Protein backbone atom coordinates (compact mmCIF):
# COMPACT_ATOMS: atom_id res chain seq x y z
CA MET A 1 -43.29 -34.33 4.74
CA ASN A 2 -45.07 -37.08 2.81
CA ARG A 3 -47.05 -35.05 0.29
CA ASN A 4 -49.28 -38.00 -0.61
CA ALA A 5 -50.19 -38.76 3.01
CA LEU A 6 -53.51 -37.39 4.23
CA MET A 7 -54.60 -37.36 7.85
CA TYR A 8 -58.35 -37.18 8.41
CA CYS A 9 -59.34 -36.47 12.00
CA CYS A 10 -62.98 -37.48 12.43
CA ARG A 11 -62.93 -37.71 16.22
CA SER A 12 -66.12 -38.16 18.22
CA GLU A 13 -69.07 -38.57 15.85
CA LYS A 14 -72.39 -38.98 17.63
CA HIS A 15 -74.46 -38.89 14.45
CA ILE A 16 -74.21 -41.76 12.01
CA GLY A 17 -74.97 -39.42 9.08
CA ASN A 18 -71.82 -37.41 9.80
CA LEU A 19 -69.82 -40.58 10.18
CA GLN A 20 -71.03 -42.06 6.90
CA ARG A 21 -70.38 -38.79 5.10
CA SER A 22 -66.82 -38.79 6.44
CA ILE A 23 -66.23 -42.43 5.47
CA GLU A 24 -67.44 -41.80 1.92
CA LEU A 25 -65.16 -38.78 1.58
CA ALA A 26 -62.23 -40.80 2.94
CA ARG A 27 -62.95 -43.52 0.35
CA LYS A 28 -62.88 -40.95 -2.45
CA LEU A 29 -59.73 -39.31 -1.12
CA SER A 30 -58.01 -42.69 -0.96
CA GLU A 31 -58.09 -42.87 -4.77
CA SER A 32 -55.35 -40.22 -4.88
CA HIS A 33 -53.92 -40.12 -1.34
CA ASP A 34 -52.72 -42.46 1.37
CA VAL A 35 -55.55 -41.77 3.82
CA THR A 36 -55.28 -42.39 7.54
CA MET A 37 -58.50 -41.73 9.41
CA LEU A 38 -58.70 -41.16 13.14
CA ILE A 39 -62.02 -42.26 14.52
CA ASP A 40 -63.61 -43.29 17.81
CA GLU A 41 -63.45 -46.97 18.73
CA GLU A 42 -67.18 -47.56 18.21
CA GLY A 43 -67.28 -45.96 14.76
CA PRO A 44 -66.50 -48.99 12.54
CA VAL A 45 -69.34 -50.91 14.21
CA LEU A 46 -71.78 -48.50 12.57
CA VAL A 47 -70.43 -48.28 9.02
CA ASP A 48 -68.28 -50.21 6.57
CA VAL A 49 -64.80 -48.72 6.21
CA PRO A 50 -63.07 -49.36 2.85
CA GLU A 51 -59.82 -51.32 2.89
CA SER A 52 -58.09 -48.43 1.13
CA VAL A 53 -58.46 -46.29 4.27
CA GLN A 54 -56.17 -46.97 7.22
CA LEU A 55 -57.83 -46.55 10.61
CA LYS A 56 -56.36 -45.31 13.85
CA MET A 57 -58.70 -45.88 16.77
CA LEU A 58 -59.19 -43.20 19.41
CA PRO A 59 -60.43 -44.25 22.86
CA ALA A 60 -63.95 -42.92 23.28
CA PRO A 61 -64.37 -40.15 25.89
CA PRO A 62 -65.93 -41.42 29.14
CA VAL A 63 -68.70 -38.80 28.85
CA ASP A 64 -70.49 -37.03 26.04
CA PRO A 65 -68.20 -34.08 25.11
CA ASP A 66 -71.22 -31.84 24.51
CA SER A 67 -72.74 -32.53 27.93
CA ASN A 68 -72.17 -30.50 31.08
CA VAL A 69 -69.39 -32.35 32.87
CA PHE A 70 -69.75 -31.24 36.49
CA GLU A 71 -68.84 -34.26 38.66
CA PHE A 72 -65.22 -33.85 39.75
CA GLY A 73 -64.30 -37.50 39.23
CA ARG A 74 -65.87 -37.62 35.79
CA THR A 75 -64.30 -34.29 34.86
CA GLU A 76 -60.83 -35.58 35.76
CA GLU A 77 -61.52 -38.78 33.82
CA PHE A 78 -62.61 -36.70 30.84
CA LYS A 79 -59.43 -34.59 30.98
CA ALA A 80 -57.27 -37.72 31.13
CA SER A 81 -59.11 -39.12 28.11
CA ILE A 82 -58.48 -35.92 26.13
CA ILE A 83 -54.77 -36.06 26.95
CA ALA A 84 -54.57 -39.70 25.83
CA ARG A 85 -56.38 -38.91 22.58
CA ARG A 86 -54.21 -35.83 21.98
CA ASP A 87 -51.01 -37.83 22.42
CA LEU A 88 -52.21 -40.51 20.00
CA ILE A 89 -53.20 -37.91 17.40
CA LEU A 90 -49.78 -36.26 17.63
CA GLU A 91 -48.05 -39.63 17.33
CA VAL A 92 -49.93 -40.25 14.08
CA LEU A 93 -49.01 -36.76 12.82
CA GLU A 94 -45.34 -37.40 13.53
CA GLU A 95 -45.48 -40.82 11.90
CA LEU A 96 -47.27 -39.70 8.73
CA LYS A 97 -45.86 -36.18 8.26
CA PRO A 98 -48.86 -35.60 5.96
CA GLY A 99 -49.26 -33.10 3.17
CA VAL A 100 -52.92 -32.63 4.10
CA VAL A 101 -54.68 -32.56 7.47
CA ILE A 102 -58.49 -32.51 7.57
CA THR A 103 -60.64 -32.01 10.65
CA ASP A 104 -64.33 -32.78 10.31
CA ASN A 105 -66.80 -30.44 12.06
CA PHE A 106 -64.09 -28.79 14.13
CA PRO A 107 -63.87 -25.94 15.08
CA PHE A 108 -67.57 -25.44 14.34
CA ASN A 109 -68.72 -28.16 16.77
CA GLN A 110 -67.37 -30.29 19.61
CA GLN A 111 -65.31 -27.49 21.10
CA ARG A 112 -65.01 -29.36 24.40
CA LEU A 113 -62.56 -31.61 22.53
CA GLN A 114 -60.34 -28.77 21.34
CA GLY A 115 -57.62 -29.86 23.76
CA GLU A 116 -56.90 -32.85 21.54
CA VAL A 117 -57.17 -31.20 18.12
CA LEU A 118 -55.63 -27.73 18.64
CA PRO A 119 -52.11 -29.13 19.04
CA LEU A 120 -52.64 -31.02 15.76
CA ILE A 121 -53.69 -28.04 13.69
CA GLU A 122 -51.06 -25.79 15.30
CA ARG A 123 -48.29 -28.18 14.28
CA ALA A 124 -49.74 -28.77 10.83
CA HIS A 125 -50.22 -25.05 10.17
CA ASN A 126 -46.74 -24.16 11.41
CA GLY A 127 -45.13 -26.77 9.15
CA ILE A 128 -43.44 -28.77 11.91
CA TYR A 129 -42.99 -31.65 9.44
CA GLY A 130 -43.08 -29.61 6.24
CA GLU A 131 -45.64 -27.61 4.32
CA CYS A 132 -49.14 -28.92 5.08
CA LEU A 133 -52.60 -27.96 3.84
CA VAL A 134 -55.08 -27.64 6.74
CA VAL A 135 -58.73 -28.18 5.77
CA CYS A 136 -62.03 -28.15 7.64
CA THR A 137 -65.04 -30.06 6.30
CA THR A 138 -68.56 -29.63 7.62
CA ASP A 139 -72.27 -29.62 6.82
CA ALA A 140 -74.01 -26.30 6.17
CA ILE A 141 -76.84 -26.70 8.68
CA MET A 142 -75.72 -26.03 12.22
CA VAL A 143 -78.33 -24.96 14.74
CA ASP A 144 -76.76 -23.71 17.95
CA GLU A 145 -79.27 -23.19 20.76
CA SER A 146 -76.70 -22.54 23.45
CA THR A 147 -76.80 -19.23 25.30
CA ASN A 148 -73.28 -18.33 24.16
CA GLY A 149 -73.81 -19.16 20.50
CA GLU A 150 -72.34 -15.86 19.31
CA ASN A 151 -69.16 -16.39 21.31
CA ARG A 152 -68.88 -19.90 19.92
CA ALA A 153 -69.13 -18.61 16.34
CA ASP A 154 -66.53 -15.92 17.02
CA ARG A 155 -64.18 -18.46 18.59
CA ALA A 156 -64.58 -20.85 15.65
CA ALA A 157 -63.97 -18.07 13.12
CA GLY A 158 -60.83 -17.04 14.99
CA LEU A 159 -59.44 -20.58 14.85
CA LEU A 160 -60.31 -20.95 11.17
CA ASP A 161 -58.59 -17.69 10.22
CA LYS A 162 -55.53 -18.48 12.32
CA TYR A 163 -54.86 -22.09 11.36
CA TYR A 164 -56.90 -23.25 8.34
CA ASP A 165 -56.26 -22.88 4.62
CA THR A 166 -59.81 -23.59 3.49
CA VAL A 167 -63.28 -24.64 4.64
CA ILE A 168 -65.26 -27.06 2.47
CA VAL A 169 -69.00 -27.25 3.13
CA GLN A 170 -70.62 -30.50 2.00
CA SER A 171 -73.97 -29.07 0.99
CA ASP A 172 -75.58 -27.77 -2.18
CA PRO A 173 -75.77 -24.00 -1.56
CA VAL A 174 -79.18 -23.90 -3.24
CA PHE A 175 -80.46 -26.07 -0.37
CA ALA A 176 -78.49 -24.56 2.50
CA ARG A 177 -75.56 -22.16 2.82
CA ILE A 178 -73.38 -22.14 5.90
CA GLU A 179 -73.61 -18.34 6.09
CA GLU A 180 -77.27 -18.74 7.11
CA PHE A 181 -76.25 -20.45 10.34
CA PHE A 182 -72.67 -19.43 11.06
CA LYS A 183 -72.57 -15.70 11.82
CA PRO A 184 -69.44 -14.50 13.61
CA ARG A 185 -69.19 -10.78 14.30
CA ASN A 186 -66.14 -10.47 12.04
CA ALA A 187 -66.34 -11.82 8.49
CA LEU A 188 -64.47 -15.07 7.95
CA GLN A 189 -61.23 -14.53 6.00
CA THR A 190 -60.49 -18.20 5.29
CA PRO A 191 -61.62 -19.30 1.78
CA LEU A 192 -64.91 -21.19 1.98
CA TYR A 193 -66.55 -23.39 -0.68
CA HIS A 194 -69.82 -25.30 -0.98
CA ALA A 195 -68.90 -28.57 -2.67
CA GLY A 196 -72.30 -30.30 -2.84
CA PHE A 197 -73.72 -33.22 -0.89
CA VAL A 198 -71.63 -36.31 -0.21
CA VAL A 199 -73.53 -39.39 -1.37
CA PRO A 200 -72.14 -42.96 -1.57
CA GLU A 201 -71.54 -44.16 -5.11
CA GLN A 202 -74.50 -46.48 -5.61
CA ASP A 203 -76.76 -47.03 -8.57
CA THR A 204 -80.44 -47.30 -7.71
CA SER A 205 -81.65 -46.13 -11.12
CA GLY A 206 -82.54 -49.68 -12.11
CA LEU A 207 -84.63 -50.29 -9.02
CA ASP A 208 -88.34 -50.25 -9.73
CA PRO A 209 -90.41 -49.81 -6.55
CA ALA A 210 -93.08 -51.93 -8.20
CA ASP A 211 -90.66 -54.84 -8.11
CA GLY A 212 -89.73 -54.23 -4.48
CA SER A 213 -91.66 -54.54 -1.27
CA ASP A 214 -94.93 -52.85 -0.44
CA SER A 215 -93.75 -52.09 3.07
CA ILE A 216 -93.60 -48.95 5.17
CA LEU A 217 -89.97 -48.35 6.15
CA VAL A 218 -89.44 -46.74 9.58
CA SER A 219 -85.93 -45.66 10.57
CA ALA A 220 -84.09 -43.15 12.75
CA GLY A 221 -80.46 -43.14 11.65
CA ASP A 222 -78.33 -44.96 14.20
CA GLY A 223 -81.39 -45.22 16.46
CA ARG A 224 -80.02 -43.36 19.47
CA TYR A 225 -82.99 -40.99 19.54
CA GLY A 226 -85.52 -43.19 17.76
CA GLY A 227 -87.40 -44.81 20.63
CA VAL A 228 -90.37 -42.43 20.63
CA LEU A 229 -90.84 -42.76 16.87
CA PHE A 230 -90.58 -46.56 16.93
CA ARG A 231 -93.12 -46.95 19.72
CA ALA A 232 -95.57 -44.67 17.92
CA ALA A 233 -95.04 -46.63 14.70
CA VAL A 234 -95.87 -49.94 16.39
CA GLU A 235 -99.14 -48.51 17.74
CA ALA A 236 -100.00 -46.85 14.42
CA GLN A 237 -99.50 -50.13 12.59
CA LYS A 238 -102.10 -51.77 14.81
CA VAL A 239 -104.59 -49.34 13.25
CA LEU A 240 -103.24 -49.50 9.69
CA TRP A 241 -102.73 -53.25 9.29
CA PRO A 242 -106.37 -54.45 9.56
CA VAL A 243 -107.36 -52.00 6.82
CA SER A 244 -104.46 -52.14 4.35
CA GLU A 245 -102.48 -55.26 5.33
CA ARG A 246 -99.39 -53.32 4.26
CA PRO A 247 -96.33 -54.54 6.22
CA MET A 248 -94.10 -52.22 8.25
CA LYS A 249 -90.36 -52.69 8.60
CA ILE A 250 -88.70 -50.96 11.56
CA VAL A 251 -84.91 -50.57 11.34
CA ALA A 252 -84.02 -49.73 14.94
CA GLY A 253 -80.32 -48.93 14.41
CA PRO A 254 -77.23 -50.05 16.34
CA ARG A 255 -77.36 -47.24 18.89
CA LEU A 256 -80.93 -47.65 20.09
CA PRO A 257 -80.40 -48.15 23.85
CA GLU A 258 -80.59 -51.82 24.80
CA GLU A 259 -83.50 -51.35 27.20
CA GLU A 260 -85.51 -49.64 24.46
CA TRP A 261 -84.61 -52.39 21.99
CA LEU A 262 -85.82 -55.06 24.41
CA ASP A 263 -89.02 -53.11 25.03
CA LEU A 264 -89.56 -52.82 21.28
CA CYS A 265 -89.07 -56.57 20.89
CA VAL A 266 -91.78 -57.16 23.50
CA ARG A 267 -94.15 -54.69 21.83
CA THR A 268 -93.78 -56.29 18.41
CA LYS A 269 -93.82 -59.93 19.52
CA GLY A 270 -96.81 -61.55 17.87
CA ALA A 271 -97.87 -58.27 16.24
CA GLU A 272 -99.20 -58.66 12.72
CA GLY A 273 -97.53 -56.88 9.84
CA ILE A 274 -94.36 -55.71 11.64
CA VAL A 275 -90.80 -56.75 10.91
CA LEU A 276 -88.23 -55.53 13.43
CA THR A 277 -84.48 -55.48 12.78
CA ARG A 278 -81.43 -53.66 14.08
CA LEU A 279 -79.62 -53.20 10.77
CA VAL A 280 -79.97 -53.59 7.01
CA ASP A 281 -77.16 -54.01 4.49
CA ASP A 282 -77.95 -50.85 2.53
CA MET A 283 -80.45 -48.28 3.75
CA ARG A 284 -80.57 -46.45 0.43
CA THR A 285 -81.55 -49.59 -1.45
CA GLU A 286 -83.98 -50.51 1.32
CA MET A 287 -85.66 -47.13 0.94
CA ALA A 288 -85.73 -47.34 -2.86
CA TRP A 289 -87.58 -50.67 -2.65
CA SER A 290 -90.08 -49.55 -0.01
CA ARG A 291 -93.51 -48.14 -0.70
CA CYS A 292 -92.83 -45.19 1.61
CA SER A 293 -90.43 -44.06 4.33
CA VAL A 294 -90.89 -42.58 7.81
CA SER A 295 -87.72 -41.12 9.31
CA GLN A 296 -86.19 -38.31 11.37
CA CYS A 297 -84.49 -36.61 8.38
CA GLY A 298 -80.82 -37.03 9.20
CA TYR A 299 -78.19 -36.08 6.57
CA ASN A 300 -78.06 -39.46 4.83
CA THR A 301 -81.76 -40.28 5.15
CA ALA A 302 -82.71 -36.93 3.61
CA LEU A 303 -80.41 -37.53 0.64
CA ASN A 304 -81.68 -41.08 0.24
CA ALA A 305 -85.25 -39.79 0.12
CA ALA A 306 -84.37 -37.11 -2.44
CA THR A 307 -82.34 -39.37 -4.72
CA THR A 308 -84.66 -42.40 -4.65
CA GLN A 309 -87.87 -40.31 -4.78
CA THR A 310 -89.46 -42.53 -2.17
CA PRO A 311 -92.58 -40.90 -0.64
CA SER A 312 -91.21 -39.77 2.72
CA LEU A 313 -92.60 -38.51 6.00
CA PHE A 314 -90.11 -36.62 8.15
CA ILE A 315 -90.54 -36.51 11.94
CA PRO A 316 -87.45 -34.73 13.28
CA CYS A 317 -86.05 -35.64 16.66
CA GLN A 318 -87.12 -33.31 19.45
CA ASP A 319 -83.74 -33.47 21.16
CA ARG A 320 -82.14 -30.01 21.14
CA GLN A 321 -78.83 -31.35 19.83
CA ARG A 322 -80.57 -32.72 16.73
CA SER A 323 -82.59 -29.62 15.82
CA GLU A 324 -80.83 -29.34 12.47
CA GLN A 325 -83.18 -32.14 11.39
CA ILE A 326 -86.13 -29.75 11.60
CA VAL A 327 -84.40 -27.24 9.32
CA ARG A 328 -83.45 -29.97 6.85
CA ALA A 329 -86.95 -31.44 6.81
CA GLN A 330 -88.62 -28.06 6.33
CA ARG A 331 -86.43 -27.33 3.32
CA LEU A 332 -87.02 -30.70 1.73
CA VAL A 333 -90.75 -30.22 2.15
CA TYR A 334 -90.43 -26.78 0.52
CA TRP A 335 -88.84 -28.41 -2.54
CA GLY A 336 -91.57 -31.06 -2.65
CA GLY A 337 -89.34 -33.87 -1.37
CA GLY A 338 -91.60 -35.12 1.41
CA ARG A 339 -94.12 -34.40 4.14
CA LEU A 340 -93.46 -33.13 7.66
CA LEU A 341 -94.92 -34.03 11.06
CA MET A 342 -93.43 -31.92 13.83
CA PRO A 343 -92.20 -33.97 16.82
CA HIS A 344 -94.55 -32.34 19.32
CA HIS A 345 -97.49 -33.48 17.17
CA LEU A 346 -96.35 -37.11 17.08
CA ASN A 347 -98.74 -39.66 18.56
CA ASN A 348 -100.28 -42.95 17.46
CA ALA A 349 -103.26 -41.35 15.71
CA SER A 350 -101.35 -38.55 13.97
CA LEU A 351 -98.76 -40.99 12.65
CA ALA A 352 -101.40 -43.39 11.29
CA HIS A 353 -103.14 -40.45 9.58
CA GLU A 354 -99.89 -39.12 8.07
CA ILE A 355 -98.90 -42.54 6.73
CA ASN A 356 -102.28 -42.80 5.00
CA GLN A 357 -101.69 -39.37 3.45
CA LEU A 358 -98.15 -40.35 2.49
CA LEU A 359 -99.40 -43.26 0.41
CA ARG A 360 -101.12 -40.70 -1.85
CA PHE A 361 -98.11 -38.38 -2.00
CA GLN A 362 -95.85 -38.13 -5.05
CA PRO A 363 -92.50 -36.42 -4.34
CA ARG A 364 -90.96 -34.07 -6.88
CA LYS A 365 -87.71 -34.91 -8.60
CA ILE A 366 -85.01 -32.78 -6.99
CA ARG A 367 -81.64 -32.24 -8.67
CA PHE A 368 -79.29 -31.22 -5.91
CA ASP A 369 -75.54 -31.46 -6.45
CA THR A 370 -74.52 -34.86 -5.04
CA ASP A 371 -70.91 -34.80 -6.26
CA GLY A 372 -69.67 -33.46 -2.94
CA ALA A 373 -66.99 -36.10 -2.45
CA ALA A 374 -65.43 -35.64 -5.90
CA ASN A 375 -65.68 -31.84 -5.68
CA THR A 376 -64.02 -31.87 -2.25
CA VAL A 377 -61.15 -33.95 -3.58
CA ASN A 378 -60.74 -31.56 -6.53
CA LEU A 379 -60.67 -28.54 -4.23
CA ILE A 380 -58.01 -30.14 -2.04
CA GLU A 381 -55.92 -31.18 -5.05
CA ARG A 382 -56.03 -27.70 -6.55
CA ALA A 383 -55.25 -26.08 -3.23
CA MET A 384 -52.16 -28.25 -2.90
CA HIS A 385 -50.78 -27.36 -6.30
CA LEU A 386 -51.91 -23.79 -6.90
CA SER A 387 -51.35 -20.81 -4.68
CA ASP A 388 -54.58 -19.06 -5.65
CA ILE A 389 -57.25 -21.61 -4.71
CA GLY A 390 -60.10 -19.14 -5.15
CA SER A 391 -59.56 -18.35 -8.83
CA SER A 392 -58.61 -21.91 -9.73
CA SER A 393 -61.63 -23.75 -8.33
CA SER A 394 -64.50 -21.30 -8.18
CA HIS A 395 -66.16 -23.04 -11.11
CA LEU A 396 -66.85 -25.98 -8.81
CA SER A 397 -69.38 -23.91 -6.91
CA THR A 398 -72.99 -24.92 -7.47
CA ASP A 399 -74.40 -21.57 -6.35
CA GLY A 400 -76.10 -20.92 -9.66
CA ARG A 401 -77.84 -24.27 -10.02
CA ARG A 402 -81.48 -24.84 -9.29
CA PRO A 403 -82.66 -28.24 -7.92
CA HIS A 404 -85.39 -28.60 -10.52
């Protein structure tokens, strides 16, 4: 066993917020461990991976693992992909013989991919290559609208109790606790900690919005589900621009489907007051310099809004698999961190009206715990060296803090 080696299995990440959170944690872990991160082939296209983190690329599944795979040919292709990914993961485990194995979001989500990760955690837990700490990291908000949600929670709890040493939730418990959403019939026995939000180490304190742009920033994470919002924003700007002449910047994201991107290019060609781009260097800085922000309220966007205090309008995605955005947005609005327009109320007129209201809105300063990466590292370090992780690290909990 190489005690300093850490294997971080990120696997299939459909949401860029989860991916960025994982990359930031890996960067922090690399300060004290030799981190090898397993990630889907398309992942590095979306985010910058630090040089201190070694990447092992997993071939992307041929179909969405959370979809209903019913075509025989596609099902067989999916099974073959899982076997190939499993074999690669086990090769990395044998090569590294790590002292720590982390799986992100599993077994809470992506259970269709358990065929590739169960052999990993079984071998790590059983000490095939020496004593190994097995950790699960996840966000607190998980909205499961499937008909067998209770069975899924029970199955996840069973795997956690059987194979994992600890669960680390990357959320401030004042904002959201995992117990609100994860409710197996039998109480979880595995130690569980809320470490705080994971935020990239950036300093925007010196940024004065008065020195930045006067633009309206419109974004939707990686863009995969942003088409409806972007089209409404273009039409709303046609109403807003003649009155205010305030520019709008639409950041479409790398995963906006190509046909929707081309359609958006056509819609904005020659339009006054609209700047359209796929990517920006730093979304947090972009938001800090903007007059206001319109977004879907993904993990990173929500934290950017709270930490930069940019007046923000949240329009969560209506897709069932992204319904955690509604919960996140509602809670931020409760704390005074923004305004909310429900997706079924989104149209050209309602968006134009809400943007006008947003320009008069002053968000409250919210003090959530954003040391999630450092706290996670501390919890892992203490768990490695002390047998009683609960008594040694309970002071890291932020349960008693208030956001303002």
